[in-house]
PDB file of all heavy atoms in Angstrom:
ATOM      1  N   THR A   1     -16.920   9.934  -2.221  1.00  0.00           N
ATOM      2  CA  THR A   1     -17.755   9.455  -1.114  1.00  0.00           C
ATOM      3  C   THR A   1     -18.144   7.997  -1.317  1.00  0.00           C
ATOM      4  O   THR A   1     -18.016   7.171  -0.398  1.00  0.00           O
ATOM      5  CB  THR A   1     -19.015  10.326  -0.991  1.00  0.00           C
ATOM      6  OG1 THR A   1     -18.634  11.673  -0.682  1.00  0.00           O
ATOM      7  CG2 THR A   1     -19.922   9.801   0.105  1.00  0.00           C
ATOM      8  N   VAL A   2     -18.619   7.671  -2.509  1.00  0.00           N
ATOM      9  CA  VAL A   2     -19.005   6.287  -2.792  1.00  0.00           C
ATOM     10  C   VAL A   2     -17.806   5.351  -2.651  1.00  0.00           C
ATOM     11  O   VAL A   2     -17.874   4.304  -1.987  1.00  0.00           O
ATOM     12  CB  VAL A   2     -19.626   6.172  -4.198  1.00  0.00           C
ATOM     13  CG1 VAL A   2     -19.870   4.714  -4.559  1.00  0.00           C
ATOM     14  CG2 VAL A   2     -20.921   6.969  -4.282  1.00  0.00           C
ATOM     15  N   ALA A   3     -16.686   5.736  -3.275  1.00  0.00           N
ATOM     16  CA  ALA A   3     -15.493   4.889  -3.222  1.00  0.00           C
ATOM     17  C   ALA A   3     -14.933   4.813  -1.808  1.00  0.00           C
ATOM     18  O   ALA A   3     -14.560   3.732  -1.325  1.00  0.00           O
ATOM     19  CB  ALA A   3     -14.433   5.425  -4.182  1.00  0.00           C
ATOM     20  N   GLY A   4     -14.862   5.953  -1.116  1.00  0.00           N
ATOM     21  CA  GLY A   4     -14.270   5.986   0.216  1.00  0.00           C
ATOM     22  C   GLY A   4     -15.076   5.215   1.246  1.00  0.00           C
ATOM     23  O   GLY A   4     -14.502   4.480   2.063  1.00  0.00           O
ATOM     24  N   VAL A   5     -16.391   5.370   1.221  1.00  0.00           N
ATOM     25  CA  VAL A   5     -17.238   4.630   2.169  1.00  0.00           C
ATOM     26  C   VAL A   5     -17.154   3.133   1.883  1.00  0.00           C
ATOM     27  O   VAL A   5     -17.050   2.317   2.808  1.00  0.00           O
ATOM     28  CB  VAL A   5     -18.692   5.135   2.092  1.00  0.00           C
ATOM     29  CG1 VAL A   5     -19.609   4.231   2.909  1.00  0.00           C
ATOM     30  CG2 VAL A   5     -18.772   6.569   2.589  1.00  0.00           C
ATOM     31  N   THR A   6     -17.189   2.769   0.609  1.00  0.00           N
ATOM     32  CA  THR A   6     -17.100   1.348   0.252  1.00  0.00           C
ATOM     33  C   THR A   6     -15.789   0.735   0.729  1.00  0.00           C
ATOM     34  O   THR A   6     -15.775  -0.330   1.356  1.00  0.00           O
ATOM     35  CB  THR A   6     -17.230   1.180  -1.276  1.00  0.00           C
ATOM     36  OG1 THR A   6     -18.478   1.716  -1.703  1.00  0.00           O
ATOM     37  CG2 THR A   6     -17.148  -0.291  -1.657  1.00  0.00           C
ATOM     38  N   VAL A   7     -14.689   1.420   0.441  1.00  0.00           N
ATOM     39  CA  VAL A   7     -13.379   0.894   0.834  1.00  0.00           C
ATOM     40  C   VAL A   7     -13.231   0.896   2.355  1.00  0.00           C
ATOM     41  O   VAL A   7     -12.753  -0.083   2.950  1.00  0.00           O
ATOM     42  CB  VAL A   7     -12.249   1.714   0.182  1.00  0.00           C
ATOM     43  CG1 VAL A   7     -10.882   1.318   0.747  1.00  0.00           C
ATOM     44  CG2 VAL A   7     -12.265   1.522  -1.324  1.00  0.00           C
ATOM     45  N   GLY A   8     -13.631   1.988   2.998  1.00  0.00           N
ATOM     46  CA  GLY A   8     -13.484   2.085   4.445  1.00  0.00           C
ATOM     47  C   GLY A   8     -14.255   1.012   5.198  1.00  0.00           C
ATOM     48  O   GLY A   8     -13.728   0.375   6.117  1.00  0.00           O
ATOM     49  N   LEU A   9     -15.513   0.786   4.806  1.00  0.00           N
ATOM     50  CA  LEU A   9     -16.305  -0.256   5.462  1.00  0.00           C
ATOM     51  C   LEU A   9     -15.766  -1.647   5.134  1.00  0.00           C
ATOM     52  O   LEU A   9     -15.755  -2.528   5.991  1.00  0.00           O
ATOM     53  CB  LEU A   9     -17.767  -0.127   5.043  1.00  0.00           C
ATOM     54  CG  LEU A   9     -18.488   1.161   5.459  1.00  0.00           C
ATOM     55  CD1 LEU A   9     -19.945   1.118   5.016  1.00  0.00           C
ATOM     56  CD2 LEU A   9     -18.407   1.376   6.968  1.00  0.00           C
ATOM     57  N   SER A  10     -15.323  -1.831   3.898  1.00  0.00           N
ATOM     58  CA  SER A  10     -14.774  -3.135   3.511  1.00  0.00           C
ATOM     59  C   SER A  10     -13.501  -3.443   4.290  1.00  0.00           C
ATOM     60  O   SER A  10     -13.243  -4.599   4.648  1.00  0.00           O
ATOM     61  CB  SER A  10     -14.487  -3.169   2.007  1.00  0.00           C
ATOM     62  OG  SER A  10     -15.670  -2.978   1.266  1.00  0.00           O
ATOM     63  N   MET A  11     -12.708  -2.426   4.549  1.00  0.00           N
ATOM     64  CA  MET A  11     -11.485  -2.623   5.334  1.00  0.00           C
ATOM     65  C   MET A  11     -11.784  -3.134   6.740  1.00  0.00           C
ATOM     66  O   MET A  11     -10.981  -3.868   7.324  1.00  0.00           O
ATOM     67  CB  MET A  11     -10.696  -1.319   5.427  1.00  0.00           C
ATOM     68  CG  MET A  11      -9.998  -0.911   4.143  1.00  0.00           C
ATOM     69  SD  MET A  11      -9.238   0.746   4.270  1.00  0.00           S
ATOM     70  CE  MET A  11      -8.004   0.440   5.553  1.00  0.00           C
ATOM     71  N   SER A  12     -12.943  -2.771   7.267  1.00  0.00           N
ATOM     72  CA  SER A  12     -13.276  -3.149   8.643  1.00  0.00           C
ATOM     73  C   SER A  12     -13.728  -4.599   8.760  1.00  0.00           C
ATOM     74  O   SER A  12     -13.686  -5.173   9.853  1.00  0.00           O
ATOM     75  CB  SER A  12     -14.376  -2.236   9.185  1.00  0.00           C
ATOM     76  OG  SER A  12     -15.617  -2.480   8.524  1.00  0.00           O
ATOM     77  N   ILE A  13     -14.154  -5.203   7.644  1.00  0.00           N
ATOM     78  CA  ILE A  13     -14.680  -6.570   7.732  1.00  0.00           C
ATOM     79  C   ILE A  13     -13.930  -7.568   6.859  1.00  0.00           C
ATOM     80  O   ILE A  13     -14.092  -8.789   7.053  1.00  0.00           O
ATOM     81  CB  ILE A  13     -16.180  -6.607   7.357  1.00  0.00           C
ATOM     82  CG1 ILE A  13     -16.395  -6.118   5.922  1.00  0.00           C
ATOM     83  CG2 ILE A  13     -17.003  -5.791   8.337  1.00  0.00           C
ATOM     84  CD1 ILE A  13     -17.835  -6.257   5.453  1.00  0.00           C
ATOM     85  N   LEU A  14     -13.109  -7.083   5.930  1.00  0.00           N
ATOM     86  CA  LEU A  14     -12.383  -7.978   5.024  1.00  0.00           C
ATOM     87  C   LEU A  14     -10.882  -7.765   5.199  1.00  0.00           C
ATOM     88  O   LEU A  14     -10.341  -6.727   4.781  1.00  0.00           O
ATOM     89  CB  LEU A  14     -12.787  -7.719   3.568  1.00  0.00           C
ATOM     90  CG  LEU A  14     -14.256  -7.979   3.211  1.00  0.00           C
ATOM     91  CD1 LEU A  14     -14.536  -7.546   1.779  1.00  0.00           C
ATOM     92  CD2 LEU A  14     -14.614  -9.448   3.413  1.00  0.00           C
ATOM     93  N   PRO A  15     -10.175  -8.720   5.790  1.00  0.00           N
ATOM     94  CA  PRO A  15      -8.734  -8.552   6.023  1.00  0.00           C
ATOM     95  C   PRO A  15      -7.936  -8.305   4.751  1.00  0.00           C
ATOM     96  O   PRO A  15      -6.967  -7.543   4.766  1.00  0.00           O
ATOM     97  CB  PRO A  15      -8.334  -9.890   6.677  1.00  0.00           C
ATOM     98  CG  PRO A  15      -9.596 -10.395   7.303  1.00  0.00           C
ATOM     99  CD  PRO A  15     -10.699  -9.954   6.400  1.00  0.00           C
ATOM    100  N   VAL A  16      -8.338  -8.927   3.638  1.00  0.00           N
ATOM    101  CA  VAL A  16      -7.571  -8.754   2.411  1.00  0.00           C
ATOM    102  C   VAL A  16      -7.676  -7.316   1.895  1.00  0.00           C
ATOM    103  O   VAL A  16      -6.691  -6.755   1.363  1.00  0.00           O
ATOM    104  CB  VAL A  16      -8.045  -9.764   1.338  1.00  0.00           C
ATOM    105  CG1 VAL A  16      -9.480  -9.472   0.899  1.00  0.00           C
ATOM    106  CG2 VAL A  16      -7.115  -9.742   0.125  1.00  0.00           C
ATOM    107  N   VAL A  17      -8.832  -6.697   2.059  1.00  0.00           N
ATOM    108  CA  VAL A  17      -8.999  -5.295   1.655  1.00  0.00           C
ATOM    109  C   VAL A  17      -8.167  -4.392   2.561  1.00  0.00           C
ATOM    110  O   VAL A  17      -7.502  -3.452   2.090  1.00  0.00           O
ATOM    111  CB  VAL A  17     -10.485  -4.884   1.703  1.00  0.00           C
ATOM    112  CG1 VAL A  17     -10.652  -3.409   1.345  1.00  0.00           C
ATOM    113  CG2 VAL A  17     -11.304  -5.750   0.751  1.00  0.00           C
ATOM    114  N   ARG A  18      -8.195  -4.685   3.861  1.00  0.00           N
ATOM    115  CA  ARG A  18      -7.389  -3.903   4.798  1.00  0.00           C
ATOM    116  C   ARG A  18      -5.904  -4.070   4.499  1.00  0.00           C
ATOM    117  O   ARG A  18      -5.144  -3.091   4.538  1.00  0.00           O
ATOM    118  CB  ARG A  18      -7.690  -4.343   6.228  1.00  0.00           C
ATOM    119  CG  ARG A  18      -6.958  -3.542   7.283  1.00  0.00           C
ATOM    120  CD  ARG A  18      -7.545  -3.779   8.662  1.00  0.00           C
ATOM    121  NE  ARG A  18      -7.523  -5.179   9.050  1.00  0.00           N
ATOM    122  CZ  ARG A  18      -8.598  -5.962   9.134  1.00  0.00           C
ATOM    123  NH1 ARG A  18      -9.786  -5.486   8.830  1.00  0.00           N
ATOM    124  NH2 ARG A  18      -8.494  -7.226   9.502  1.00  0.00           N
ATOM    125  N   TRP A  19      -5.471  -5.271   4.190  1.00  0.00           N
ATOM    126  CA  TRP A  19      -4.066  -5.527   3.866  1.00  0.00           C
ATOM    127  C   TRP A  19      -3.621  -4.723   2.640  1.00  0.00           C
ATOM    128  O   TRP A  19      -2.509  -4.198   2.601  1.00  0.00           O
ATOM    129  CB  TRP A  19      -3.878  -7.018   3.605  1.00  0.00           C
ATOM    130  CG  TRP A  19      -2.581  -7.363   2.934  1.00  0.00           C
ATOM    131  CD1 TRP A  19      -1.361  -7.499   3.515  1.00  0.00           C
ATOM    132  CD2 TRP A  19      -2.384  -7.589   1.527  1.00  0.00           C
ATOM    133  NE1 TRP A  19      -0.405  -7.791   2.575  1.00  0.00           N
ATOM    134  CE2 TRP A  19      -0.995  -7.854   1.342  1.00  0.00           C
ATOM    135  CE3 TRP A  19      -3.222  -7.598   0.413  1.00  0.00           C
ATOM    136  CZ2 TRP A  19      -0.454  -8.120   0.083  1.00  0.00           C
ATOM    137  CZ3 TRP A  19      -2.683  -7.863  -0.833  1.00  0.00           C
ATOM    138  CH2 TRP A  19      -1.318  -8.126  -0.996  1.00  0.00           C
ATOM    139  N   PHE A  20      -4.516  -4.595   1.650  1.00  0.00           N
ATOM    140  CA  PHE A  20      -4.151  -3.897   0.408  1.00  0.00           C
ATOM    141  C   PHE A  20      -4.162  -2.381   0.583  1.00  0.00           C
ATOM    142  O   PHE A  20      -3.230  -1.683   0.153  1.00  0.00           O
ATOM    143  CB  PHE A  20      -5.105  -4.308  -0.711  1.00  0.00           C
ATOM    144  CG  PHE A  20      -4.796  -3.670  -2.035  1.00  0.00           C
ATOM    145  CD1 PHE A  20      -3.790  -4.179  -2.840  1.00  0.00           C
ATOM    146  CD2 PHE A  20      -5.493  -2.551  -2.472  1.00  0.00           C
ATOM    147  CE1 PHE A  20      -3.492  -3.590  -4.069  1.00  0.00           C
ATOM    148  CE2 PHE A  20      -5.206  -1.958  -3.694  1.00  0.00           C
ATOM    149  CZ  PHE A  20      -4.193  -2.479  -4.491  1.00  0.00           C
ATOM    150  N   PHE A  21      -5.214  -1.847   1.204  1.00  0.00           N
ATOM    151  CA  PHE A  21      -5.395  -0.398   1.228  1.00  0.00           C
ATOM    152  C   PHE A  21      -4.702   0.291   2.396  1.00  0.00           C
ATOM    153  O   PHE A  21      -4.379   1.489   2.288  1.00  0.00           O
ATOM    154  CB  PHE A  21      -6.891  -0.050   1.264  1.00  0.00           C
ATOM    155  CG  PHE A  21      -7.553  -0.115  -0.076  1.00  0.00           C
ATOM    156  CD1 PHE A  21      -8.309  -1.216  -0.443  1.00  0.00           C
ATOM    157  CD2 PHE A  21      -7.433   0.930  -0.977  1.00  0.00           C
ATOM    158  CE1 PHE A  21      -8.914  -1.284  -1.687  1.00  0.00           C
ATOM    159  CE2 PHE A  21      -8.044   0.883  -2.217  1.00  0.00           C
ATOM    160  CZ  PHE A  21      -8.788  -0.230  -2.573  1.00  0.00           C
ATOM    161  N   ASP A  22      -4.475  -0.385   3.495  1.00  0.00           N
ATOM    162  CA  ASP A  22      -3.921   0.278   4.675  1.00  0.00           C
ATOM    163  C   ASP A  22      -2.578   0.956   4.394  1.00  0.00           C
ATOM    164  O   ASP A  22      -2.396   2.147   4.704  1.00  0.00           O
ATOM    165  CB  ASP A  22      -3.795  -0.711   5.832  1.00  0.00           C
ATOM    166  CG  ASP A  22      -3.527  -0.002   7.157  1.00  0.00           C
ATOM    167  OD1 ASP A  22      -4.085   1.090   7.359  1.00  0.00           O
ATOM    168  OD2 ASP A  22      -2.753  -0.532   7.969  1.00  0.00           O
ATOM    169  N   PRO A  23      -1.600   0.266   3.790  1.00  0.00           N
ATOM    170  CA  PRO A  23      -0.327   0.968   3.500  1.00  0.00           C
ATOM    171  C   PRO A  23      -0.480   2.059   2.446  1.00  0.00           C
ATOM    172  O   PRO A  23       0.213   3.090   2.519  1.00  0.00           O
ATOM    173  CB  PRO A  23       0.587  -0.161   3.013  1.00  0.00           C
ATOM    174  CG  PRO A  23      -0.319  -1.241   2.560  1.00  0.00           C
ATOM    175  CD  PRO A  23      -1.526  -1.158   3.431  1.00  0.00           C
ATOM    176  N   LEU A  24      -1.387   1.873   1.484  1.00  0.00           N
ATOM    177  CA  LEU A  24      -1.581   2.901   0.456  1.00  0.00           C
ATOM    178  C   LEU A  24      -2.157   4.176   1.062  1.00  0.00           C
ATOM    179  O   LEU A  24      -1.733   5.287   0.715  1.00  0.00           O
ATOM    180  CB  LEU A  24      -2.517   2.377  -0.634  1.00  0.00           C
ATOM    181  CG  LEU A  24      -2.026   1.158  -1.441  1.00  0.00           C
ATOM    182  CD1 LEU A  24      -3.080   0.740  -2.459  1.00  0.00           C
ATOM    183  CD2 LEU A  24      -0.702   1.474  -2.127  1.00  0.00           C
ATOM    184  N   ILE A  25      -3.093   4.014   1.972  1.00  0.00           N
ATOM    185  CA  ILE A  25      -3.694   5.176   2.622  1.00  0.00           C
ATOM    186  C   ILE A  25      -2.689   5.844   3.555  1.00  0.00           C
ATOM    187  O   ILE A  25      -2.622   7.077   3.645  1.00  0.00           O
ATOM    188  CB  ILE A  25      -4.969   4.758   3.378  1.00  0.00           C
ATOM    189  CG1 ILE A  25      -6.047   4.351   2.368  1.00  0.00           C
ATOM    190  CG2 ILE A  25      -5.472   5.887   4.262  1.00  0.00           C
ATOM    191  CD1 ILE A  25      -7.286   3.782   2.992  1.00  0.00           C
ATOM    192  N   SER A  26      -1.884   5.043   4.242  1.00  0.00           N
ATOM    193  CA  SER A  26      -0.874   5.602   5.140  1.00  0.00           C
ATOM    194  C   SER A  26       0.119   6.469   4.387  1.00  0.00           C
ATOM    195  O   SER A  26       0.581   7.502   4.891  1.00  0.00           O
ATOM    196  CB  SER A  26      -0.129   4.462   5.860  1.00  0.00           C
ATOM    197  OG  SER A  26      -1.019   3.701   6.646  1.00  0.00           O
ATOM    198  N   VAL A  27       0.459   6.063   3.166  1.00  0.00           N
ATOM    199  CA  VAL A  27       1.387   6.847   2.346  1.00  0.00           C
ATOM    200  C   VAL A  27       0.677   8.005   1.663  1.00  0.00           C
ATOM    201  O   VAL A  27       1.191   9.127   1.597  1.00  0.00           O
ATOM    202  CB  VAL A  27       2.070   5.942   1.300  1.00  0.00           C
ATOM    203  CG1 VAL A  27       2.891   6.787   0.323  1.00  0.00           C
ATOM    204  CG2 VAL A  27       2.943   4.905   1.973  1.00  0.00           C
ATOM    205  N   GLY A  28      -0.541   7.760   1.165  1.00  0.00           N
ATOM    206  CA  GLY A  28      -1.237   8.762   0.359  1.00  0.00           C
ATOM    207  C   GLY A  28      -1.861   9.886   1.160  1.00  0.00           C
ATOM    208  O   GLY A  28      -1.949  11.016   0.665  1.00  0.00           O
ATOM    209  N   PHE A  29      -2.310   9.618   2.398  1.00  0.00           N
ATOM    210  CA  PHE A  29      -3.014  10.635   3.169  1.00  0.00           C
ATOM    211  C   PHE A  29      -2.159  11.887   3.389  1.00  0.00           C
ATOM    212  O   PHE A  29      -2.607  13.009   3.109  1.00  0.00           O
ATOM    213  CB  PHE A  29      -3.469  10.058   4.514  1.00  0.00           C
ATOM    214  CG  PHE A  29      -4.632  10.789   5.106  1.00  0.00           C
ATOM    215  CD1 PHE A  29      -5.638  10.115   5.773  1.00  0.00           C
ATOM    216  CD2 PHE A  29      -4.736  12.181   5.023  1.00  0.00           C
ATOM    217  CE1 PHE A  29      -6.716  10.793   6.321  1.00  0.00           C
ATOM    218  CE2 PHE A  29      -5.804  12.864   5.567  1.00  0.00           C
ATOM    219  CZ  PHE A  29      -6.784  12.164   6.222  1.00  0.00           C
TER     220      PHE A  29
END
């Protein structure tokens, strides 16, 4: 929960975080 909320909210406001995690989540989900 702590990690997911932090990453999810960061993805919405920081393009570099979204660039890094978006493909990983697309593959991992």
